[in-house]
Amino acid sequence: MLELWNDRNGTLSFSVSSDGFRFYEALRARGKPAEIVVREMMSLLDADAFKRRFPRASGKWELAYRLLWSDDTNEHITAIGHHCREALIEFADELLAIHQVPPPHPRSQIRWIASKS
């Protein structure tokens, strides 16, 4: 979808192909960017594979989601934030366990996982 080349000065240049423009128009037709992100995230978080692989994180995301779309959302803003934070922590813990990353240094653990990708 992108055509890349170096010009005379060695500068990387690109051009969007007609396929790229068609793809972009198809994305725009799907809705506003924020709506697309929400739909994509929900489809990922709601997938059975994610729920099986990351059950604790999935449970926390579901709690936050239910409160976010409840009738009294404003009363639960703090709880929603806490559930989201806990979901991220649970996700990281479950991911580290899957990859058998030894404790105790979080930054080195993230680098270790990234090096395996």
N, C-alpha and C. Protein backbone atom coordinates (compact mmCIF):
# COMPACT_ATOMS: atom_id res chain seq x y z
N MET A 1 0.80 -1.19 0.00
CA MET A 1 0.00 0.00 0.00
C MET A 1 0.85 1.26 0.00
N LEU A 2 2.09 1.10 0.43
CA LEU A 2 3.04 2.21 0.37
C LEU A 2 4.17 1.82 -0.57
N GLU A 3 4.54 2.75 -1.40
CA GLU A 3 5.70 2.55 -2.25
C GLU A 3 6.83 3.40 -1.66
N LEU A 4 7.94 2.76 -1.31
CA LEU A 4 9.05 3.45 -0.66
C LEU A 4 10.25 3.50 -1.59
N TRP A 5 11.02 4.59 -1.52
CA TRP A 5 12.26 4.71 -2.27
C TRP A 5 13.11 5.79 -1.65
N ASN A 6 14.41 5.74 -1.97
CA ASN A 6 15.34 6.79 -1.54
C ASN A 6 15.56 7.73 -2.71
N ASP A 7 15.47 9.02 -2.46
CA ASP A 7 15.71 9.98 -3.55
C ASP A 7 17.21 10.20 -3.72
N ARG A 8 17.58 11.14 -4.57
CA ARG A 8 19.00 11.39 -4.88
C ARG A 8 19.82 11.72 -3.64
N ASN A 9 19.21 12.35 -2.66
CA ASN A 9 19.92 12.75 -1.45
C ASN A 9 19.91 11.67 -0.38
N GLY A 10 19.31 10.52 -0.67
CA GLY A 10 19.23 9.44 0.30
C GLY A 10 18.06 9.57 1.25
N THR A 11 17.17 10.53 0.99
CA THR A 11 16.01 10.72 1.84
C THR A 11 14.95 9.69 1.47
N LEU A 12 14.42 9.03 2.49
CA LEU A 12 13.37 8.05 2.25
C LEU A 12 12.09 8.76 1.87
N SER A 13 11.52 8.38 0.76
CA SER A 13 10.27 8.96 0.29
C SER A 13 9.24 7.85 0.14
N PHE A 14 7.98 8.24 0.10
CA PHE A 14 6.93 7.25 -0.08
C PHE A 14 5.77 7.84 -0.85
N SER A 15 4.99 6.93 -1.40
CA SER A 15 3.78 7.29 -2.12
C SER A 15 2.72 6.27 -1.74
N VAL A 16 1.50 6.74 -1.52
CA VAL A 16 0.41 5.85 -1.18
C VAL A 16 -0.18 5.30 -2.47
N SER A 17 -0.28 3.98 -2.56
CA SER A 17 -0.84 3.35 -3.76
C SER A 17 -2.36 3.51 -3.79
N SER A 18 -2.95 3.17 -4.90
CA SER A 18 -4.41 3.23 -5.00
C SER A 18 -5.05 2.24 -4.04
N ASP A 19 -4.41 1.09 -3.80
CA ASP A 19 -4.91 0.15 -2.79
C ASP A 19 -4.90 0.79 -1.41
N GLY A 20 -3.87 1.57 -1.13
CA GLY A 20 -3.78 2.26 0.15
C GLY A 20 -4.90 3.26 0.35
N PHE A 21 -5.22 4.01 -0.71
CA PHE A 21 -6.32 4.97 -0.63
C PHE A 21 -7.66 4.26 -0.45
N ARG A 22 -7.86 3.13 -1.13
CA ARG A 22 -9.11 2.37 -0.96
C ARG A 22 -9.22 1.83 0.47
N PHE A 23 -8.10 1.34 1.01
CA PHE A 23 -8.09 0.84 2.38
C PHE A 23 -8.43 1.96 3.36
N TYR A 24 -7.83 3.12 3.17
CA TYR A 24 -8.10 4.27 4.04
C TYR A 24 -9.58 4.66 3.99
N GLU A 25 -10.15 4.69 2.80
CA GLU A 25 -11.57 5.04 2.68
C GLU A 25 -12.45 4.00 3.37
N ALA A 26 -12.07 2.72 3.28
CA ALA A 26 -12.83 1.67 3.96
C ALA A 26 -12.77 1.87 5.47
N LEU A 27 -11.59 2.24 5.99
CA LEU A 27 -11.46 2.51 7.43
C LEU A 27 -12.32 3.70 7.84
N ARG A 28 -12.28 4.76 7.06
CA ARG A 28 -13.07 5.95 7.39
C ARG A 28 -14.56 5.64 7.40
N ALA A 29 -14.98 4.74 6.53
CA ALA A 29 -16.40 4.40 6.45
C ALA A 29 -16.87 3.62 7.68
N ARG A 30 -15.93 3.05 8.43
CA ARG A 30 -16.28 2.26 9.60
C ARG A 30 -16.71 3.11 10.79
N GLY A 31 -16.43 4.41 10.77
CA GLY A 31 -16.83 5.27 11.88
C GLY A 31 -15.74 6.23 12.29
N LYS A 32 -16.02 6.94 13.37
CA LYS A 32 -15.05 7.89 13.91
C LYS A 32 -13.90 7.12 14.54
N PRO A 33 -12.69 7.70 14.53
CA PRO A 33 -11.52 6.98 15.06
C PRO A 33 -11.72 6.43 16.48
N ALA A 34 -12.28 7.22 17.37
CA ALA A 34 -12.47 6.74 18.74
C ALA A 34 -13.43 5.55 18.78
N GLU A 35 -14.47 5.61 17.95
CA GLU A 35 -15.43 4.50 17.90
C GLU A 35 -14.77 3.24 17.38
N ILE A 36 -13.91 3.39 16.37
CA ILE A 36 -13.21 2.24 15.80
C ILE A 36 -12.30 1.62 16.85
N VAL A 37 -11.56 2.45 17.58
CA VAL A 37 -10.65 1.94 18.61
C VAL A 37 -11.44 1.18 19.68
N VAL A 38 -12.55 1.74 20.13
CA VAL A 38 -13.36 1.07 21.15
C VAL A 38 -13.84 -0.28 20.64
N ARG A 39 -14.38 -0.30 19.40
CA ARG A 39 -14.86 -1.57 18.83
C ARG A 39 -13.75 -2.61 18.73
N GLU A 40 -12.59 -2.19 18.22
CA GLU A 40 -11.47 -3.12 18.07
C GLU A 40 -10.99 -3.64 19.42
N MET A 41 -10.86 -2.73 20.39
CA MET A 41 -10.41 -3.15 21.73
C MET A 41 -11.41 -4.11 22.36
N MET A 42 -12.69 -3.79 22.22
CA MET A 42 -13.71 -4.67 22.81
C MET A 42 -13.71 -6.04 22.14
N SER A 43 -13.49 -6.08 20.84
CA SER A 43 -13.47 -7.38 20.16
C SER A 43 -12.26 -8.19 20.63
N LEU A 44 -11.14 -7.53 20.89
CA LEU A 44 -9.96 -8.25 21.39
C LEU A 44 -10.16 -8.71 22.83
N LEU A 45 -10.65 -7.81 23.68
CA LEU A 45 -10.82 -8.14 25.10
C LEU A 45 -11.95 -9.14 25.32
N ASP A 46 -12.91 -9.17 24.41
CA ASP A 46 -14.05 -10.06 24.54
C ASP A 46 -13.80 -11.44 23.90
N ALA A 47 -12.70 -11.58 23.21
CA ALA A 47 -12.39 -12.84 22.52
C ALA A 47 -12.11 -13.96 23.53
N ASP A 48 -12.61 -15.14 23.21
CA ASP A 48 -12.39 -16.30 24.09
C ASP A 48 -10.91 -16.58 24.31
N ALA A 49 -10.10 -16.39 23.27
CA ALA A 49 -8.66 -16.66 23.39
C ALA A 49 -8.03 -15.75 24.45
N PHE A 50 -8.41 -14.47 24.46
CA PHE A 50 -7.88 -13.54 25.46
C PHE A 50 -8.35 -13.94 26.85
N LYS A 51 -9.63 -14.28 26.96
CA LYS A 51 -10.18 -14.66 28.27
C LYS A 51 -9.50 -15.92 28.82
N ARG A 52 -9.19 -16.86 27.95
CA ARG A 52 -8.50 -18.09 28.40
C ARG A 52 -7.05 -17.80 28.79
N ARG A 53 -6.38 -16.99 27.99
CA ARG A 53 -4.96 -16.73 28.22
C ARG A 53 -4.71 -15.78 29.39
N PHE A 54 -5.63 -14.83 29.58
CA PHE A 54 -5.46 -13.81 30.61
C PHE A 54 -6.73 -13.69 31.45
N PRO A 55 -7.12 -14.73 32.18
CA PRO A 55 -8.40 -14.72 32.88
C PRO A 55 -8.53 -13.64 33.96
N ARG A 56 -7.47 -13.39 34.72
CA ARG A 56 -7.58 -12.37 35.77
C ARG A 56 -7.71 -10.97 35.16
N ALA A 57 -6.90 -10.68 34.17
CA ALA A 57 -6.98 -9.37 33.50
C ALA A 57 -8.34 -9.20 32.85
N SER A 58 -8.81 -10.25 32.20
CA SER A 58 -10.11 -10.20 31.54
C SER A 58 -11.22 -9.89 32.54
N GLY A 59 -11.18 -10.51 33.69
CA GLY A 59 -12.19 -10.25 34.72
C GLY A 59 -12.21 -8.80 35.16
N LYS A 60 -11.02 -8.22 35.32
CA LYS A 60 -10.94 -6.82 35.74
C LYS A 60 -11.46 -5.89 34.64
N TRP A 61 -11.13 -6.19 33.38
CA TRP A 61 -11.63 -5.37 32.27
C TRP A 61 -13.15 -5.43 32.22
N GLU A 62 -13.70 -6.63 32.45
CA GLU A 62 -15.16 -6.78 32.42
C GLU A 62 -15.82 -5.96 33.53
N LEU A 63 -15.22 -5.96 34.71
CA LEU A 63 -15.77 -5.14 35.81
C LEU A 63 -15.77 -3.66 35.43
N ALA A 64 -14.66 -3.19 34.90
CA ALA A 64 -14.56 -1.78 34.51
C ALA A 64 -15.57 -1.46 33.42
N TYR A 65 -15.72 -2.35 32.46
CA TYR A 65 -16.64 -2.13 31.35
C TYR A 65 -18.08 -2.03 31.83
N ARG A 66 -18.46 -2.96 32.71
CA ARG A 66 -19.84 -2.95 33.23
C ARG A 66 -20.14 -1.64 33.97
N LEU A 67 -19.18 -1.19 34.78
CA LEU A 67 -19.38 0.06 35.52
C LEU A 67 -19.40 1.27 34.58
N LEU A 68 -18.54 1.22 33.56
CA LEU A 68 -18.47 2.34 32.62
C LEU A 68 -19.80 2.56 31.91
N TRP A 69 -20.48 1.49 31.57
CA TRP A 69 -21.74 1.60 30.82
C TRP A 69 -22.97 1.45 31.71
N SER A 70 -22.79 1.53 33.01
CA SER A 70 -23.94 1.44 33.91
C SER A 70 -24.70 2.76 33.95
N ASP A 71 -25.86 2.74 34.56
CA ASP A 71 -26.68 3.95 34.66
C ASP A 71 -26.07 5.01 35.56
N ASP A 72 -25.25 4.59 36.51
CA ASP A 72 -24.64 5.55 37.44
C ASP A 72 -23.12 5.59 37.31
N THR A 73 -22.66 5.74 36.08
CA THR A 73 -21.22 5.76 35.78
C THR A 73 -20.47 6.78 36.63
N ASN A 74 -21.02 7.98 36.78
CA ASN A 74 -20.31 9.04 37.51
C ASN A 74 -19.99 8.65 38.94
N GLU A 75 -20.82 7.81 39.53
CA GLU A 75 -20.58 7.37 40.90
C GLU A 75 -19.45 6.34 40.97
N HIS A 76 -19.07 5.79 39.83
CA HIS A 76 -18.09 4.71 39.81
C HIS A 76 -16.78 5.07 39.10
N ILE A 77 -16.57 6.34 38.82
CA ILE A 77 -15.38 6.75 38.07
C ILE A 77 -14.10 6.24 38.73
N THR A 78 -13.98 6.41 40.03
CA THR A 78 -12.77 5.95 40.73
C THR A 78 -12.62 4.44 40.63
N ALA A 79 -13.71 3.72 40.83
CA ALA A 79 -13.66 2.26 40.76
C ALA A 79 -13.29 1.80 39.35
N ILE A 80 -13.81 2.47 38.33
CA ILE A 80 -13.48 2.13 36.94
C ILE A 80 -11.98 2.28 36.73
N GLY A 81 -11.43 3.39 37.19
CA GLY A 81 -9.99 3.62 37.07
C GLY A 81 -9.18 2.56 37.79
N HIS A 82 -9.62 2.18 38.98
CA HIS A 82 -8.91 1.14 39.74
C HIS A 82 -8.96 -0.20 39.02
N HIS A 83 -10.13 -0.55 38.49
CA HIS A 83 -10.25 -1.83 37.77
C HIS A 83 -9.37 -1.83 36.52
N CYS A 84 -9.30 -0.70 35.82
CA CYS A 84 -8.43 -0.62 34.63
C CYS A 84 -6.96 -0.80 35.03
N ARG A 85 -6.56 -0.11 36.09
CA ARG A 85 -5.18 -0.24 36.57
C ARG A 85 -4.88 -1.66 36.98
N GLU A 86 -5.80 -2.28 37.72
CA GLU A 86 -5.60 -3.67 38.15
C GLU A 86 -5.59 -4.61 36.95
N ALA A 87 -6.39 -4.32 35.93
CA ALA A 87 -6.39 -5.15 34.72
C ALA A 87 -5.03 -5.11 34.05
N LEU A 88 -4.43 -3.93 33.98
CA LEU A 88 -3.10 -3.81 33.37
C LEU A 88 -2.05 -4.57 34.18
N ILE A 89 -2.14 -4.47 35.49
CA ILE A 89 -1.20 -5.19 36.36
C ILE A 89 -1.38 -6.70 36.20
N GLU A 90 -2.64 -7.16 36.22
CA GLU A 90 -2.91 -8.59 36.04
C GLU A 90 -2.43 -9.07 34.68
N PHE A 91 -2.67 -8.26 33.65
CA PHE A 91 -2.21 -8.63 32.31
C PHE A 91 -0.69 -8.79 32.29
N ALA A 92 0.01 -7.82 32.87
CA ALA A 92 1.47 -7.89 32.91
C ALA A 92 1.94 -9.13 33.68
N ASP A 93 1.32 -9.39 34.83
CA ASP A 93 1.70 -10.57 35.62
C ASP A 93 1.44 -11.86 34.85
N GLU A 94 0.28 -11.95 34.21
CA GLU A 94 -0.03 -13.17 33.45
C GLU A 94 0.89 -13.32 32.25
N LEU A 95 1.22 -12.23 31.59
CA LEU A 95 2.13 -12.27 30.45
C LEU A 95 3.52 -12.70 30.88
N LEU A 96 3.99 -12.14 32.00
CA LEU A 96 5.30 -12.53 32.52
C LEU A 96 5.32 -14.01 32.90
N ALA A 97 4.24 -14.50 33.47
CA ALA A 97 4.17 -15.92 33.84
C ALA A 97 4.19 -16.81 32.61
N ILE A 98 3.45 -16.42 31.58
CA ILE A 98 3.43 -17.21 30.34
C ILE A 98 4.83 -17.33 29.76
N HIS A 99 5.57 -16.24 29.79
CA HIS A 99 6.93 -16.23 29.22
C HIS A 99 7.99 -16.64 30.22
N GLN A 100 7.56 -17.03 31.42
CA GLN A 100 8.46 -17.50 32.47
C GLN A 100 9.61 -16.54 32.73
N VAL A 101 9.24 -15.27 32.88
CA VAL A 101 10.24 -14.23 33.15
C VAL A 101 10.55 -14.24 34.63
N PRO A 102 11.83 -14.35 34.96
CA PRO A 102 12.18 -14.36 36.38
C PRO A 102 12.04 -12.98 37.02
N PRO A 103 11.59 -12.93 38.29
CA PRO A 103 11.51 -11.65 38.98
C PRO A 103 12.93 -11.18 39.34
N PRO A 104 13.14 -9.99 39.84
CA PRO A 104 12.20 -9.01 40.35
C PRO A 104 12.23 -7.69 39.62
N HIS A 105 12.92 -7.55 38.49
CA HIS A 105 13.11 -6.23 37.88
C HIS A 105 12.16 -6.01 36.71
N PRO A 106 11.12 -5.19 36.91
CA PRO A 106 10.11 -5.00 35.87
C PRO A 106 10.66 -4.52 34.53
N ARG A 107 11.59 -3.57 34.55
CA ARG A 107 12.11 -3.07 33.28
C ARG A 107 12.89 -4.14 32.54
N SER A 108 13.69 -4.90 33.27
CA SER A 108 14.44 -5.96 32.60
C SER A 108 13.50 -7.05 32.11
N GLN A 109 12.39 -7.26 32.82
CA GLN A 109 11.41 -8.26 32.39
C GLN A 109 10.77 -7.84 31.07
N ILE A 110 10.41 -6.59 30.95
CA ILE A 110 9.80 -6.10 29.71
C ILE A 110 10.79 -6.20 28.58
N ARG A 111 12.04 -5.82 28.81
CA ARG A 111 13.06 -5.94 27.78
C ARG A 111 13.24 -7.40 27.37
N TRP A 112 13.20 -8.31 28.35
CA TRP A 112 13.37 -9.74 28.07
C TRP A 112 12.26 -10.24 27.15
N ILE A 113 11.02 -9.85 27.47
CA ILE A 113 9.89 -10.26 26.62
C ILE A 113 10.04 -9.67 25.23
N ALA A 114 10.41 -8.39 25.14
CA ALA A 114 10.55 -7.74 23.85
C ALA A 114 11.63 -8.42 23.02
N SER A 115 12.68 -8.89 23.63
CA SER A 115 13.75 -9.54 22.89
C SER A 115 13.32 -10.90 22.33
N LYS A 116 12.28 -11.49 22.90
CA LYS A 116 11.79 -12.79 22.45
C LYS A 116 10.82 -12.65 21.26
N SER A 117 10.34 -11.44 21.01
CA SER A 117 9.34 -11.23 19.95
C SER A 117 9.99 -11.18 18.60
